[in-house]
Protein backbone atom coordinates (compact mmCIF):
# COMPACT_ATOMS: atom_id res chain seq x y z
CA MET A 1 42.69 39.15 117.48
CA PRO A 2 39.87 40.18 119.83
CA ASN A 3 38.90 43.81 120.08
CA LYS A 4 39.71 45.09 123.62
CA GLU A 5 36.68 47.41 123.55
CA ASN A 6 34.33 44.44 123.00
CA ILE A 7 35.96 42.48 125.82
CA LYS A 8 35.69 45.41 128.27
CA LYS A 9 31.88 45.53 127.78
CA HIS A 10 31.54 41.93 128.96
CA GLU A 11 33.87 41.99 131.96
CA TYR A 12 32.40 41.90 135.47
CA LYS A 13 32.86 44.96 137.64
CA LYS A 14 35.25 44.59 140.57
CA GLY A 15 33.48 42.81 143.44
CA GLN A 16 30.58 41.67 141.22
CA SER A 17 29.80 37.97 141.00
CA GLY A 18 29.26 36.26 137.66
CA ASN A 19 26.49 34.21 139.26
CA PRO A 20 24.88 36.39 141.94
CA ASN A 21 22.05 33.96 142.77
CA GLY A 22 24.36 30.94 142.96
CA ARG A 23 23.16 27.37 142.88
CA PRO A 24 19.49 27.04 143.89
CA LYS A 25 18.90 25.86 147.47
CA GLY A 26 18.17 22.17 147.78
CA THR A 27 20.19 21.22 144.69
CA GLU A 28 22.30 18.16 145.45
CA ASN A 29 25.98 18.27 144.65
CA SER A 30 27.48 15.52 142.49
CA LYS A 31 28.96 13.59 145.44
CA THR A 32 25.54 13.34 147.12
CA ARG A 33 23.90 12.16 143.88
CA LEU A 34 26.62 9.57 143.25
CA MET A 35 26.45 8.23 146.82
CA ARG A 36 22.68 7.82 146.45
CA LEU A 37 23.13 5.96 143.14
CA PHE A 38 25.99 3.81 144.45
CA SER A 39 23.92 2.70 147.44
CA LEU A 40 21.02 1.38 145.31
CA VAL A 41 20.57 -2.37 145.76
CA GLN A 42 19.86 -4.92 143.03
CA SER A 43 19.56 -8.70 142.93
CA LYS A 44 22.47 -10.17 140.94
CA THR A 45 24.33 -13.43 140.56
CA ASN A 46 27.56 -13.54 142.55
CA PRO A 47 30.32 -14.24 139.98
CA VAL A 48 32.36 -16.17 142.55
CA THR A 49 29.69 -18.38 144.17
CA GLY A 50 27.04 -18.35 141.43
CA ALA A 51 24.30 -17.66 144.02
CA LYS A 52 21.63 -14.95 143.59
CA GLU A 53 22.27 -12.18 146.14
CA GLU A 54 21.46 -8.53 146.88
CA PHE A 55 24.32 -6.15 146.03
CA SER A 56 24.76 -2.37 146.05
CA VAL A 57 25.96 -0.72 142.84
CA LEU A 58 29.40 -0.20 144.43
CA GLU A 59 29.61 -3.90 145.33
CA GLN A 60 28.63 -4.81 141.78
CA MET A 61 31.40 -2.59 140.40
CA ASP A 62 33.91 -4.24 142.75
CA MET A 63 32.66 -7.70 141.73
CA ALA A 64 33.09 -6.83 138.06
CA LEU A 65 36.70 -5.86 138.79
CA VAL A 66 37.28 -9.10 140.72
CA ALA A 67 35.72 -11.12 137.87
CA LYS A 68 38.08 -9.45 135.36
CA ALA A 69 41.08 -10.18 137.58
CA LEU A 70 40.00 -13.83 137.89
CA LYS A 71 39.94 -14.07 134.08
CA GLY A 72 43.57 -12.92 133.98
CA ASP A 73 43.22 -9.16 133.48
CA VAL A 74 46.49 -7.88 134.97
CA ARG A 75 45.32 -4.25 135.11
CA ALA A 76 42.24 -5.28 137.12
CA TYR A 77 44.44 -7.32 139.45
CA ASN A 78 46.84 -4.39 139.96
CA GLU A 79 43.92 -2.03 140.67
CA LEU A 80 42.58 -4.43 143.30
CA MET A 81 46.00 -4.78 144.93
CA ASP A 82 46.48 -0.99 144.95
CA ARG A 83 43.09 -0.60 146.65
CA PHE A 84 43.84 -3.37 149.14
CA GLU A 85 47.48 -2.63 149.99
CA GLY A 86 47.83 0.99 148.82
CA LYS A 87 50.04 2.28 146.04
CA PRO A 88 53.80 2.33 146.68
CA GLU A 89 55.54 5.64 147.29
CA GLN A 90 57.74 6.93 144.50
CA THR A 91 60.80 9.16 144.75
CA VAL A 92 61.56 11.42 141.80
CA LYS A 93 65.01 12.96 141.42
CA ASN A 94 65.16 16.42 139.88
CA GLU A 95 68.33 18.24 138.79
CA GLY A 96 69.09 21.17 141.12
CA VAL A 97 66.43 20.16 143.64
CA SER A 98 66.68 17.56 146.36
CA SER A 99 64.62 14.44 145.80
CA ILE A 100 60.86 14.88 145.92
CA LYS A 101 58.55 12.26 147.39
CA ILE A 102 55.36 11.71 145.38
CA VAL A 103 52.55 9.72 146.95
CA ARG A 104 49.84 8.53 144.54
CA LYS A 105 46.37 8.12 145.95
């Protein structure tokens, strides 16, 4: 069991930040970094047509999913359909509470 006296020494004072300087200015957040990486373009063979084309990383990821679905991967097919048509709404019944609508995104 931890010693309360030892814990008290390491607690922040009220109103004091644990990281007073924060993140350095100019540091990209993860979304910005990912968007930059996803937009990179490479020359690849189109799995559907067989032709050499320029594709972004995001397009290549989508093509890989399409290629899996074409080979019979049901999970890949379902993922594509959910992206294309949206996931269906689900209603969950809970004892003592009226039904709750859950929308998956």
